N, C-alpha and C. Protein backbone atom coordinates (compact mmCIF):
# COMPACT_ATOMS: atom_id res chain seq x y z
N MET A 1 18.01 20.23 8.22
CA MET A 1 18.76 18.76 8.35
C MET A 1 18.22 17.80 9.15
N ASN A 2 17.49 18.01 10.10
CA ASN A 2 16.63 17.07 10.76
C ASN A 2 15.85 16.57 10.10
N PHE A 3 14.82 17.50 9.43
CA PHE A 3 13.70 17.06 8.39
C PHE A 3 14.29 16.21 7.32
N LEU A 4 15.34 16.75 6.60
CA LEU A 4 16.21 16.23 5.29
C LEU A 4 16.34 14.57 5.89
N LEU A 5 17.02 14.41 7.22
CA LEU A 5 17.52 13.13 7.35
C LEU A 5 16.24 12.27 7.84
N LYS A 6 15.16 12.73 8.54
CA LYS A 6 13.38 12.18 8.57
C LYS A 6 13.20 11.88 7.43
N LYS A 7 13.09 12.85 6.16
CA LYS A 7 12.61 12.04 5.06
C LYS A 7 13.16 10.80 4.31
N SER A 8 14.57 10.73 4.59
CA SER A 8 15.52 10.08 3.67
C SER A 8 15.33 8.72 4.40
N MET A 9 15.06 8.87 6.01
CA MET A 9 14.97 7.40 6.49
C MET A 9 13.95 6.97 6.30
N ASP A 10 12.68 7.71 6.00
CA ASP A 10 11.19 7.39 6.01
C ASP A 10 11.28 6.43 4.59
N ILE A 11 11.72 6.94 3.43
CA ILE A 11 11.81 6.43 2.33
C ILE A 11 12.97 5.08 2.54
N ILE A 12 13.86 5.20 2.64
CA ILE A 12 14.67 4.13 3.04
C ILE A 12 13.87 2.81 3.52
N ILE A 13 13.44 3.08 4.76
CA ILE A 13 12.92 2.13 5.76
C ILE A 13 11.39 1.51 4.96
N SER A 14 11.04 2.60 4.63
CA SER A 14 9.31 2.12 3.89
C SER A 14 9.94 1.41 2.53
N SER A 15 10.80 1.52 1.83
CA SER A 15 10.83 0.84 0.75
C SER A 15 11.35 -0.43 1.16
N ILE A 16 12.31 -0.36 2.12
CA ILE A 16 12.65 -1.83 2.51
C ILE A 16 11.43 -2.85 3.34
N PHE A 17 10.80 -2.30 4.07
CA PHE A 17 9.82 -2.67 4.85
C PHE A 17 8.70 -3.49 3.41
N ILE A 18 8.62 -2.46 2.27
CA ILE A 18 7.72 -2.90 1.58
C ILE A 18 7.94 -4.20 0.74
N VAL A 19 9.74 -4.48 0.42
CA VAL A 19 10.11 -5.27 -0.25
C VAL A 19 9.67 -6.60 0.82
N ILE A 20 10.15 -6.18 1.88
CA ILE A 20 9.85 -7.55 2.89
C ILE A 20 8.71 -8.22 3.21
N PHE A 21 7.42 -7.09 3.33
CA PHE A 21 6.27 -7.71 3.69
C PHE A 21 5.53 -7.85 2.48
N THR A 22 5.66 -7.69 0.98
CA THR A 22 4.85 -8.00 0.04
C THR A 22 4.65 -9.49 0.01
N PRO A 23 5.31 -10.45 0.32
CA PRO A 23 4.52 -11.68 0.32
C PRO A 23 3.61 -11.84 1.49
N LEU A 24 3.75 -11.31 2.44
CA LEU A 24 2.83 -11.49 3.72
C LEU A 24 1.67 -10.43 3.34
N CYS A 25 1.58 -9.41 2.27
CA CYS A 25 0.72 -8.49 1.97
C CYS A 25 -0.32 -9.22 0.99
N ILE A 26 0.50 -10.27 0.30
CA ILE A 26 -0.70 -11.01 -0.78
C ILE A 26 -1.15 -11.86 0.24
N ILE A 27 -0.83 -12.67 1.02
CA ILE A 27 -1.33 -13.35 2.03
C ILE A 27 -2.54 -12.89 2.61
N ILE A 28 -2.21 -11.74 3.32
CA ILE A 28 -3.50 -10.83 3.76
C ILE A 28 -4.43 -10.61 2.83
N ALA A 29 -4.22 -10.41 1.91
CA ALA A 29 -5.16 -9.75 0.64
C ALA A 29 -6.42 -11.23 0.49
N VAL A 30 -5.43 -12.26 0.22
CA VAL A 30 -6.44 -13.16 0.00
C VAL A 30 -7.13 -13.60 0.95
N ALA A 31 -6.52 -13.69 2.50
CA ALA A 31 -7.39 -14.04 3.43
C ALA A 31 -8.60 -13.19 3.67
N ILE A 32 -8.39 -11.69 3.38
CA ILE A 32 -9.42 -10.66 3.37
C ILE A 32 -10.76 -11.01 2.45
N LYS A 33 -10.32 -11.55 1.41
CA LYS A 33 -10.98 -11.74 0.24
C LYS A 33 -12.13 -12.97 0.64
N ARG A 34 -11.56 -13.91 0.91
CA ARG A 34 -11.82 -15.21 1.62
C ARG A 34 -12.85 -14.96 2.92
N ASP A 35 -12.59 -14.10 3.66
CA ASP A 35 -13.30 -13.84 5.05
C ASP A 35 -14.34 -12.93 4.93
N SER A 36 -14.67 -12.01 4.02
CA SER A 36 -15.67 -11.35 4.09
C SER A 36 -15.55 -10.34 2.67
N LYS A 37 -17.14 -10.20 2.34
CA LYS A 37 -17.67 -9.33 0.90
C LYS A 37 -16.75 -7.91 1.38
N GLY A 38 -16.51 -7.39 0.18
CA GLY A 38 -15.78 -6.01 0.25
C GLY A 38 -14.65 -5.97 -0.40
N PRO A 39 -13.80 -4.54 -0.43
CA PRO A 39 -12.53 -4.44 -0.98
C PRO A 39 -11.49 -4.86 0.00
N ILE A 40 -10.48 -5.11 -0.62
CA ILE A 40 -9.15 -5.60 0.32
C ILE A 40 -8.48 -4.30 1.18
N LEU A 41 -8.57 -3.27 0.19
CA LEU A 41 -8.04 -1.89 0.96
C LEU A 41 -8.85 -1.02 1.34
N PHE A 42 -8.92 -0.46 2.53
CA PHE A 42 -9.86 0.55 3.25
C PHE A 42 -9.51 2.02 2.64
N LYS A 43 -9.86 2.75 2.27
CA LYS A 43 -9.71 3.88 1.65
C LYS A 43 -10.42 5.04 2.29
N GLN A 44 -9.70 6.05 3.25
CA GLN A 44 -10.27 7.27 3.95
C GLN A 44 -9.75 8.53 3.53
N LYS A 45 -10.58 9.45 3.95
CA LYS A 45 -10.04 10.82 3.77
C LYS A 45 -9.61 11.18 5.06
N ARG A 46 -8.22 11.60 5.03
CA ARG A 46 -7.89 12.05 6.43
C ARG A 46 -7.05 13.39 6.26
N LEU A 47 -6.28 14.09 6.99
CA LEU A 47 -5.63 15.53 6.85
C LEU A 47 -4.25 15.19 7.25
N THR A 48 -3.35 15.86 6.67
CA THR A 48 -2.11 15.72 6.46
C THR A 48 -1.49 16.71 6.77
N LYS A 49 -0.15 17.40 6.71
CA LYS A 49 0.39 18.55 6.82
C LYS A 49 -0.26 19.77 6.60
N ASN A 50 -0.50 20.68 7.23
CA ASN A 50 -0.80 21.95 7.11
C ASN A 50 -2.60 22.04 6.61
N GLY A 51 -3.12 20.86 7.31
CA GLY A 51 -4.67 20.23 6.91
C GLY A 51 -5.10 19.87 5.73
N ARG A 52 -3.93 19.67 4.89
CA ARG A 52 -4.40 19.26 3.49
C ARG A 52 -5.16 17.96 3.42
N GLU A 53 -6.07 17.68 2.51
CA GLU A 53 -6.90 16.26 2.63
C GLU A 53 -5.97 15.45 1.73
N PHE A 54 -5.90 13.94 2.39
CA PHE A 54 -5.60 13.20 1.37
C PHE A 54 -6.12 11.80 1.86
N THR A 55 -6.16 10.69 0.77
CA THR A 55 -6.51 9.46 1.04
C THR A 55 -5.57 8.36 1.87
N MET A 56 -5.84 7.97 2.80
CA MET A 56 -4.88 7.17 3.75
C MET A 56 -5.89 5.67 3.26
N TYR A 57 -4.62 4.64 3.39
CA TYR A 57 -4.77 3.24 2.97
C TYR A 57 -4.61 2.43 4.07
N LYS A 58 -5.46 1.57 4.36
CA LYS A 58 -5.28 0.41 5.39
C LYS A 58 -5.95 -0.99 4.99
N PHE A 59 -5.87 -2.21 5.34
CA PHE A 59 -6.20 -3.23 5.04
C PHE A 59 -7.42 -3.18 5.42
N ARG A 60 -8.74 -3.82 4.93
CA ARG A 60 -9.81 -3.67 5.59
C ARG A 60 -10.27 -4.60 6.80
N THR A 61 -10.67 -3.82 7.61
CA THR A 61 -10.64 -4.96 9.16
C THR A 61 -12.12 -5.10 9.35
N MET A 62 -12.86 -4.43 8.70
CA MET A 62 -14.53 -4.29 8.87
C MET A 62 -15.61 -4.66 7.86
N ILE A 63 -16.51 -4.87 8.31
CA ILE A 63 -17.57 -5.39 7.17
C ILE A 63 -17.71 -4.13 6.23
N GLU A 64 -18.49 -4.35 5.22
CA GLU A 64 -18.60 -3.24 4.37
C GLU A 64 -19.46 -1.92 4.87
N ASN A 65 -19.11 -0.53 4.78
CA ASN A 65 -19.83 0.51 5.28
C ASN A 65 -20.07 0.40 6.58
N ALA A 66 -18.98 0.03 7.31
CA ALA A 66 -19.10 -0.26 8.94
C ALA A 66 -19.26 1.17 9.72
N GLU A 67 -18.46 2.34 9.00
CA GLU A 67 -18.39 3.61 9.86
C GLU A 67 -19.89 4.13 9.58
N TYR A 68 -20.72 3.57 9.01
CA TYR A 68 -21.97 4.22 9.01
C TYR A 68 -22.90 3.41 9.99
N MET A 69 -22.25 2.51 10.73
CA MET A 69 -23.25 1.48 11.63
C MET A 69 -22.71 1.86 12.68
N GLY A 70 -23.40 1.38 13.82
CA GLY A 70 -23.19 1.23 15.28
C GLY A 70 -22.43 2.80 15.75
N THR A 71 -21.26 2.25 16.31
CA THR A 71 -20.58 3.48 16.93
C THR A 71 -19.68 4.64 15.66
N GLY A 72 -19.85 4.13 14.65
CA GLY A 72 -19.23 5.02 13.50
C GLY A 72 -17.94 4.98 13.53
N LEU A 73 -17.25 6.25 13.72
CA LEU A 73 -15.70 6.07 13.64
C LEU A 73 -15.02 5.57 14.89
N PHE A 74 -15.88 4.94 15.86
CA PHE A 74 -15.19 4.82 16.88
C PHE A 74 -15.44 3.14 17.20
N ASN A 75 -14.60 2.11 17.51
CA ASN A 75 -14.72 0.98 18.11
C ASN A 75 -14.59 0.44 19.08
N TYR A 76 -14.75 -0.50 19.73
CA TYR A 76 -14.45 -1.14 20.90
C TYR A 76 -14.41 -2.57 20.95
N GLU A 77 -13.90 -3.30 22.09
CA GLU A 77 -13.17 -4.35 22.17
C GLU A 77 -14.47 -5.63 21.86
N ASN A 78 -14.77 -6.60 21.17
CA ASN A 78 -15.54 -7.09 20.61
C ASN A 78 -16.80 -6.54 19.74
N ASP A 79 -16.00 -5.61 18.80
CA ASP A 79 -17.09 -4.85 18.03
C ASP A 79 -17.63 -5.86 17.04
N PHE A 80 -18.96 -5.93 16.83
CA PHE A 80 -19.73 -6.85 15.93
C PHE A 80 -19.13 -6.84 14.42
N ARG A 81 -18.71 -5.44 13.97
CA ARG A 81 -18.27 -4.81 12.68
C ARG A 81 -17.08 -5.29 12.24
N VAL A 82 -16.22 -5.94 13.19
CA VAL A 82 -14.82 -6.37 12.81
C VAL A 82 -14.63 -7.56 12.51
N THR A 83 -14.13 -8.11 11.17
CA THR A 83 -13.82 -9.45 10.90
C THR A 83 -13.19 -10.14 11.80
N LYS A 84 -13.15 -11.76 11.50
CA LYS A 84 -12.30 -12.74 11.84
C LYS A 84 -10.90 -11.96 11.52
N VAL A 85 -10.79 -12.10 10.45
CA VAL A 85 -9.33 -11.57 9.80
C VAL A 85 -9.04 -9.92 10.55
N GLY A 86 -9.69 -9.36 10.29
CA GLY A 86 -9.57 -8.11 10.82
C GLY A 86 -9.06 -7.94 12.13
N ARG A 87 -9.87 -8.81 13.07
CA ARG A 87 -9.44 -8.55 14.44
C ARG A 87 -7.63 -9.34 14.76
N LEU A 88 -7.43 -9.73 13.70
CA LEU A 88 -5.89 -10.49 13.71
C LEU A 88 -5.36 -9.01 13.27
N LEU A 89 -5.43 -8.48 12.10
CA LEU A 89 -4.81 -7.87 11.47
C LEU A 89 -4.66 -6.40 12.73
N ARG A 90 -5.60 -5.95 13.15
CA ARG A 90 -5.94 -4.97 13.94
C ARG A 90 -4.90 -5.41 15.36
N ASN A 91 -4.98 -6.44 15.87
CA ASN A 91 -4.34 -7.02 17.20
C ASN A 91 -2.82 -6.84 17.04
N THR A 92 -2.22 -7.09 15.43
CA THR A 92 -0.80 -7.07 15.22
C THR A 92 -0.66 -5.65 14.49
N SER A 93 -1.50 -4.84 14.22
CA SER A 93 -1.25 -3.52 13.17
C SER A 93 -0.84 -3.87 12.26
N LEU A 94 -0.84 -4.94 11.58
CA LEU A 94 -0.74 -5.52 10.07
C LEU A 94 -1.42 -4.72 9.01
N ASP A 95 -2.80 -4.08 9.78
CA ASP A 95 -3.49 -3.31 8.89
C ASP A 95 -3.10 -2.22 8.29
N GLU A 96 -2.28 -1.58 9.17
CA GLU A 96 -1.33 -0.25 8.88
C GLU A 96 -0.31 -0.54 7.70
N LEU A 97 -0.22 -1.51 7.26
CA LEU A 97 1.06 -1.71 6.42
C LEU A 97 0.67 -1.03 4.90
N PRO A 98 -0.42 -0.80 4.32
CA PRO A 98 -0.79 -0.24 3.19
C PRO A 98 -0.04 1.21 3.47
N GLN A 99 0.00 1.74 4.72
CA GLN A 99 0.38 3.24 4.66
C GLN A 99 1.71 3.62 4.31
N LEU A 100 2.53 2.30 4.04
CA LEU A 100 3.96 2.64 3.68
C LEU A 100 3.89 3.29 2.07
N ILE A 101 2.77 2.75 1.76
CA ILE A 101 2.76 3.84 0.15
C ILE A 101 2.41 5.13 0.29
N ASN A 102 1.53 5.45 1.27
CA ASN A 102 1.41 6.70 1.52
C ASN A 102 2.83 7.49 2.14
N ILE A 103 3.68 7.01 2.79
CA ILE A 103 4.83 7.17 2.86
C ILE A 103 5.59 7.77 1.69
N LEU A 104 5.57 6.82 0.57
CA LEU A 104 6.31 7.07 -0.32
C LEU A 104 5.70 8.35 -1.51
N LYS A 105 4.36 8.00 -1.04
CA LYS A 105 4.04 9.34 -1.92
C LYS A 105 3.77 10.63 -1.41
N GLY A 106 4.63 10.81 -0.15
CA GLY A 106 4.42 11.99 0.50
C GLY A 106 3.67 12.48 1.29
N ASP A 107 2.58 11.57 1.55
CA ASP A 107 1.57 12.10 2.56
C ASP A 107 1.71 12.06 4.00
N MET A 108 2.63 11.11 4.35
CA MET A 108 2.89 10.51 5.63
C MET A 108 4.15 10.33 5.84
N ALA A 109 4.58 9.89 7.19
CA ALA A 109 5.81 9.66 7.63
C ALA A 109 5.65 8.56 8.43
N LEU A 110 6.87 7.91 8.74
CA LEU A 110 6.86 6.73 9.71
C LEU A 110 6.31 7.03 11.28
N ILE A 111 7.18 8.19 11.37
CA ILE A 111 6.90 8.97 13.15
C ILE A 111 6.36 10.05 12.86
N GLY A 112 5.11 10.29 13.50
CA GLY A 112 4.41 11.62 13.70
C GLY A 112 3.24 11.77 14.04
N PRO A 113 2.21 12.53 14.39
CA PRO A 113 0.98 12.52 15.04
C PRO A 113 0.09 11.61 13.96
N ARG A 114 -0.76 10.82 14.69
CA ARG A 114 -1.70 10.31 13.52
C ARG A 114 -2.76 11.03 12.83
N PRO A 115 -3.12 10.89 11.61
CA PRO A 115 -3.79 11.98 10.73
C PRO A 115 -5.38 11.42 11.24
N PRO A 116 -6.10 12.69 11.29
CA PRO A 116 -7.23 12.19 11.75
C PRO A 116 -8.37 12.31 10.46
N VAL A 117 -9.49 11.74 10.61
CA VAL A 117 -10.43 11.46 9.29
C VAL A 117 -10.63 12.92 9.22
N SER A 118 -11.02 13.11 8.15
CA SER A 118 -11.21 14.83 7.17
C SER A 118 -12.30 15.57 8.27
N TYR A 119 -13.35 14.56 8.59
CA TYR A 119 -14.53 15.75 9.53
C TYR A 119 -14.26 15.58 11.41
N GLU A 120 -13.49 14.54 11.63
CA GLU A 120 -13.23 14.29 12.92
C GLU A 120 -13.10 15.35 13.73
N LEU A 121 -12.10 16.48 13.54
CA LEU A 121 -11.95 17.55 14.09
C LEU A 121 -12.86 19.05 13.93
N GLY A 122 -13.84 18.73 13.01
CA GLY A 122 -14.20 19.88 12.40
C GLY A 122 -13.37 20.67 11.24
N LYS A 123 -13.49 21.67 11.07
CA LYS A 123 -12.84 22.49 10.06
C LYS A 123 -11.31 23.03 10.77
N TYR A 124 -10.23 22.28 9.48
CA TYR A 124 -9.23 22.80 10.06
C TYR A 124 -9.08 24.63 10.42
N GLU A 125 -9.42 25.36 9.61
CA GLU A 125 -9.40 26.69 10.02
C GLU A 125 -10.23 26.87 11.27
N ASN A 126 -10.78 26.41 11.99
CA ASN A 126 -11.38 26.76 13.16
C ASN A 126 -10.84 26.16 14.38
N LEU A 127 -9.56 25.31 14.29
CA LEU A 127 -8.82 24.48 15.22
C LEU A 127 -8.11 25.67 16.04
N ASN A 128 -7.81 25.36 17.27
CA ASN A 128 -7.31 26.44 18.17
C ASN A 128 -5.71 26.03 17.77
N GLU A 129 -4.82 26.91 18.35
CA GLU A 129 -3.49 26.84 17.84
C GLU A 129 -2.46 25.60 18.39
N ALA A 130 -2.94 24.87 19.38
CA ALA A 130 -2.48 23.79 20.11
C ALA A 130 -2.95 22.62 19.04
N TYR A 131 -4.17 22.53 18.42
CA TYR A 131 -4.45 21.28 17.43
C TYR A 131 -3.88 21.98 16.21
N LYS A 132 -3.77 22.90 15.83
CA LYS A 132 -2.98 23.37 14.40
C LYS A 132 -1.51 23.02 14.48
N ARG A 133 -1.00 23.02 15.86
CA ARG A 133 0.49 22.92 15.66
C ARG A 133 0.42 21.50 15.42
N ARG A 134 0.04 20.57 15.52
CA ARG A 134 0.21 19.41 15.23
C ARG A 134 0.37 18.75 13.84
N PHE A 135 -0.44 19.68 13.35
CA PHE A 135 -0.52 20.00 11.74
C PHE A 135 0.82 20.39 11.06
N THR A 136 1.63 20.69 11.74
CA THR A 136 2.77 21.48 11.21
C THR A 136 4.09 20.17 10.43
N VAL A 137 3.82 19.13 11.13
CA VAL A 137 4.43 18.09 10.60
C VAL A 137 3.62 17.10 9.64
N LEU A 138 4.32 16.14 9.06
CA LEU A 138 3.49 15.18 8.08
C LEU A 138 3.08 14.52 9.39
N PRO A 139 1.86 13.62 9.46
CA PRO A 139 1.30 12.62 9.99
C PRO A 139 2.09 11.26 9.96
N GLY A 140 2.12 10.28 10.84
CA GLY A 140 2.91 9.12 11.01
C GLY A 140 1.89 8.20 11.11
N ILE A 141 2.56 6.88 10.92
CA ILE A 141 2.02 5.63 11.09
C ILE A 141 1.92 5.27 12.67
N THR A 142 2.83 6.16 13.31
CA THR A 142 2.63 5.46 14.62
C THR A 142 3.37 7.06 15.30
N GLY A 143 3.34 7.55 16.70
CA GLY A 143 4.12 8.62 17.08
C GLY A 143 3.82 8.25 18.65
N LEU A 144 4.13 9.52 19.11
CA LEU A 144 4.31 9.35 20.83
C LEU A 144 3.17 9.42 21.37
N ALA A 145 2.16 9.55 20.83
CA ALA A 145 0.56 9.81 21.89
C ALA A 145 0.36 8.20 21.43
N GLN A 146 0.78 7.32 20.55
CA GLN A 146 0.46 5.99 20.33
C GLN A 146 1.13 5.22 21.43
N VAL A 147 2.51 5.31 21.39
CA VAL A 147 3.23 4.63 22.42
C VAL A 147 3.00 4.77 23.65
N LYS A 148 2.62 6.20 23.99
CA LYS A 148 2.25 6.70 25.46
C LYS A 148 0.66 6.07 25.77
N GLY A 149 -0.32 5.66 24.63
CA GLY A 149 -1.53 5.52 25.10
C GLY A 149 -2.11 5.01 24.12
N ARG A 150 -1.50 4.84 22.81
CA ARG A 150 -2.00 4.26 21.81
C ARG A 150 -3.56 4.75 21.56
N ASN A 151 -4.52 3.92 21.09
CA ASN A 151 -6.03 4.48 20.59
C ASN A 151 -6.61 4.71 22.10
N GLU A 152 -6.32 4.24 23.58
CA GLU A 152 -6.99 4.72 24.61
C GLU A 152 -7.12 6.37 24.96
N LEU A 153 -6.18 7.35 24.56
CA LEU A 153 -6.48 8.52 25.11
C LEU A 153 -7.41 9.42 24.12
N PRO A 154 -7.85 10.07 24.85
CA PRO A 154 -8.78 11.11 24.39
C PRO A 154 -8.13 12.32 23.24
N TRP A 155 -8.75 13.10 22.53
CA TRP A 155 -7.78 14.09 21.54
C TRP A 155 -7.08 14.75 22.36
N ASP A 156 -7.66 15.59 23.52
CA ASP A 156 -6.99 16.49 24.22
C ASP A 156 -5.24 16.10 24.44
N GLU A 157 -5.56 14.78 24.89
CA GLU A 157 -4.59 14.17 25.62
C GLU A 157 -2.98 13.62 24.51
N LYS A 158 -3.76 13.01 23.32
CA LYS A 158 -3.06 12.96 21.93
C LYS A 158 -2.43 14.18 21.60
N VAL A 159 -3.20 15.40 21.45
CA VAL A 159 -2.56 16.74 20.88
C VAL A 159 -1.48 17.11 21.93
N LYS A 160 -1.85 16.99 23.29
CA LYS A 160 -0.39 17.28 24.11
C LYS A 160 1.20 16.45 23.76
N PHE A 161 0.63 15.24 23.58
CA PHE A 161 1.94 14.05 23.23
C PHE A 161 2.22 14.68 21.80
N ASP A 162 1.64 15.11 20.69
CA ASP A 162 1.68 15.34 19.46
C ASP A 162 2.43 16.52 19.38
N ASN A 163 2.49 17.54 20.24
CA ASN A 163 2.97 18.56 20.23
C ASN A 163 4.46 18.45 21.39
N GLU A 164 4.18 17.48 21.93
CA GLU A 164 5.40 16.89 22.85
C GLU A 164 6.49 16.70 21.82
N TYR A 165 5.95 15.51 20.72
CA TYR A 165 6.83 15.08 19.94
C TYR A 165 7.57 16.21 19.21
N ILE A 166 6.65 17.19 18.55
CA ILE A 166 7.44 17.99 17.64
C ILE A 166 8.80 19.01 18.58
N ASP A 167 8.25 19.24 19.50
CA ASP A 167 9.27 19.38 20.68
C ASP A 167 10.44 19.00 20.71
N LEU A 168 10.15 17.56 21.08
CA LEU A 168 11.64 16.46 20.95
C LEU A 168 12.54 16.32 19.93
N PHE A 169 11.55 16.29 18.71
CA PHE A 169 12.19 15.87 17.19
C PHE A 169 13.28 17.24 17.00
N HIS A 170 12.81 18.84 17.40
CA HIS A 170 13.51 19.57 17.09
C HIS A 170 14.89 19.50 17.77
N LYS A 171 14.72 19.06 19.06
CA LYS A 171 15.93 19.03 20.00
C LYS A 171 16.51 17.46 19.89
N TYR A 172 16.11 16.41 19.35
CA TYR A 172 16.95 15.24 19.26
C TYR A 172 16.87 14.68 17.79
N GLY A 173 16.12 15.47 17.10
CA GLY A 173 16.14 14.63 15.41
C GLY A 173 15.54 13.29 15.53
N ILE A 174 16.43 12.65 14.42
CA ILE A 174 15.61 11.29 14.21
C ILE A 174 16.05 10.30 15.26
N LEU A 175 17.06 10.88 16.54
CA LEU A 175 16.89 9.67 17.34
C LEU A 175 15.94 9.37 18.12
N ILE A 176 14.78 10.36 18.18
CA ILE A 176 13.42 10.15 18.65
C ILE A 176 12.41 9.51 17.87
N ASP A 177 12.77 9.50 16.68
CA ASP A 177 11.77 8.67 15.63
C ASP A 177 12.15 7.14 15.91
N LEU A 178 13.54 6.93 16.13
CA LEU A 178 14.19 5.45 16.49
C LEU A 178 13.63 4.78 17.77
N LYS A 179 13.26 5.85 18.91
CA LYS A 179 12.89 5.29 19.99
C LYS A 179 11.52 5.19 19.93
N ILE A 180 10.55 5.93 19.22
CA ILE A 180 9.41 5.92 18.84
C ILE A 180 9.16 4.41 18.19
N LEU A 181 9.75 4.38 17.01
CA LEU A 181 9.67 2.87 16.53
C LEU A 181 9.62 1.98 17.42
N ALA A 182 10.83 2.02 18.05
CA ALA A 182 11.11 0.72 19.19
C ALA A 182 10.07 0.67 19.77
N LEU A 183 9.52 1.64 20.85
CA LEU A 183 8.55 1.25 21.73
C LEU A 183 6.97 0.72 21.07
N THR A 184 6.91 1.29 19.59
CA THR A 184 5.99 1.01 19.10
C THR A 184 5.95 -0.73 19.01
N ILE A 185 7.10 -0.97 18.23
CA ILE A 185 7.35 -2.59 18.18
C ILE A 185 7.11 -3.43 19.45
N ILE A 186 7.29 -2.80 20.62
CA ILE A 186 7.09 -3.35 21.87
C ILE A 186 5.87 -3.32 22.16
N ASN A 187 5.05 -2.40 22.14
CA ASN A 187 3.50 -2.26 22.07
C ASN A 187 2.89 -3.26 21.10
N VAL A 188 3.37 -3.48 20.07
CA VAL A 188 2.70 -4.45 19.38
C VAL A 188 2.56 -5.82 19.80
N PHE A 189 3.58 -6.16 20.05
CA PHE A 189 4.02 -7.46 20.57
C PHE A 189 2.92 -7.83 21.94
N LYS A 190 2.57 -6.52 22.78
CA LYS A 190 2.33 -6.32 24.07
C LYS A 190 0.53 -6.38 23.74
N MET A 191 0.33 -5.84 22.61
CA MET A 191 -1.32 -5.95 21.81
C MET A 191 -1.92 -4.71 23.05
N LYS A 192 -1.01 -3.88 23.14
CA LYS A 192 -1.51 -2.73 24.43
C LYS A 192 -2.92 -1.69 23.33
N ASN A 193 -3.80 -1.40 24.43
CA ASN A 193 -4.52 -0.28 23.70
C ASN A 193 -5.28 -0.46 22.09
N ILE A 194 -5.75 -1.50 21.92
CA ILE A 194 -6.02 -1.71 20.68
C ILE A 194 -7.24 -0.80 20.02
N TYR A 195 -8.20 -0.40 20.68
CA TYR A 195 -9.48 -0.01 20.97
C TYR A 195 -9.83 1.89 21.14
N GLU A 196 -10.31 2.43 20.04
CA GLU A 196 -10.65 3.58 20.32
C GLU A 196 -11.54 4.01 21.51
N VAL A 197 -11.64 5.01 21.95
CA VAL A 197 -12.75 5.51 22.97
C VAL A 197 -13.08 6.92 22.53
N GLU A 198 -14.21 7.19 22.38
CA GLU A 198 -15.07 8.63 22.15
C GLU A 198 -14.90 9.76 23.01
N GLU A 199 -14.54 10.50 22.69
CA GLU A 199 -14.24 11.74 23.46
C GLU A 199 -15.39 12.79 22.58
N GLU A 200 -16.27 12.98 23.56
CA GLU A 200 -17.29 13.82 22.76
C GLU A 200 -16.94 15.39 22.99
N SER A 201 -16.15 16.08 23.97
CA SER A 201 -15.97 16.98 24.27
C SER A 201 -14.38 17.19 24.36
N SER A 202 -13.75 18.69 24.32
CA SER A 202 -12.33 18.96 24.79
C SER A 202 -12.27 19.81 25.68
N SER A 203 -12.16 19.45 27.18
CA SER A 203 -12.29 20.15 28.21
C SER A 203 -11.00 20.49 28.74
N ILE A 204 -9.75 19.66 28.39
CA ILE A 204 -8.63 19.49 28.66
C ILE A 204 -7.80 21.12 28.74
N ASP A 205 -7.50 21.74 29.60
CA ASP A 205 -6.37 22.55 28.88
C ASP A 205 -5.02 22.15 28.75
N ILE A 206 -4.99 22.29 27.29
CA ILE A 206 -3.59 21.66 26.63
C ILE A 206 -2.52 22.79 26.95
N THR A 207 -2.49 23.73 27.43
CA THR A 207 -1.41 24.50 27.41
C THR A 207 -0.90 24.22 29.27
N GLU A 208 -1.59 23.55 29.91
CA GLU A 208 -0.87 23.40 31.36
C GLU A 208 0.30 22.64 30.98
N LYS A 209 1.10 22.90 32.15
CA LYS A 209 2.62 22.24 32.44
C LYS A 209 2.58 20.91 32.25
N GLU A 210 3.30 20.31 31.36
CA GLU A 210 3.62 19.05 31.50
C GLU A 210 4.89 18.75 32.03
N GLU A 211 5.08 17.20 31.99
CA GLU A 211 6.26 16.42 32.66
C GLU A 211 7.35 17.03 31.78
N PRO A 212 8.76 17.04 31.97
CA PRO A 212 10.25 17.68 31.21
C PRO A 212 10.02 16.61 30.09
N LEU A 213 10.62 17.12 29.03
CA LEU A 213 10.60 16.82 27.50
C LEU A 213 11.51 15.62 27.86
N ASP A 214 12.73 15.64 28.34
CA ASP A 214 13.36 14.66 28.51
C ASP A 214 12.74 12.98 29.21
N GLU A 215 11.58 13.63 30.01
CA GLU A 215 11.33 12.37 30.87
C GLU A 215 9.87 11.66 29.99
N VAL A 216 9.71 12.30 29.09
CA VAL A 216 8.21 11.56 28.63
C VAL A 216 8.84 10.10 27.73
N PHE A 217 9.79 9.59 27.76
CA PHE A 217 10.06 8.49 26.91
C PHE A 217 9.92 7.40 28.26
N GLU A 218 10.07 7.73 29.59
CA GLU A 218 10.23 6.70 30.29
C GLU A 218 8.98 5.48 30.47
N LYS A 219 9.54 4.36 30.65
CA LYS A 219 8.72 3.21 30.38
C LYS A 219 7.50 3.66 31.63
N LYS A 220 6.32 3.19 31.13
CA LYS A 220 5.21 3.11 32.44
C LYS A 220 5.53 2.00 33.37
């Protein structure tokens, strides 16, 4: 029942957001084309539920072929590859708006673990159980890991929060999704933790005891 309500909420809210933000998306598209060469949308292969590959959409925020330059998949403050318009889109998270289409296509949800790049974590079949568990639900535009640390968290920490979210959802249902959505909006306005950090190894024991589930939503 929880997942049925979640799916219904995702479709309804995404459809409403698409209608509301269509005029803004048109303005963003024009701004991207005027700012730099390249396509309006950035398309990238990501992993969704059960390790299935899909194409995720974002507004392009970097120069063409940026993922093959500099630090590759990882970006940092004042990254030379980020365009002027792209910096504004990233700071406001407006670059994520095209993922509303991914939700309607059934590849993503509003709330859930962020989908990794298809080759970022290695082969799905080779992942440990903790990492695989995060793929038992649809990935989201935002999630618990993002409201707790957004892109500054290394993968081991993200996985702990992703699995924490799954437990919380089974316990509280869509109330947790609504809570995360509200916290995401707050973080966006605060422009917190925009840039990713590279984590070359996974050394943290993700089975170690964590804070009680009911406390993970306490404000920092």
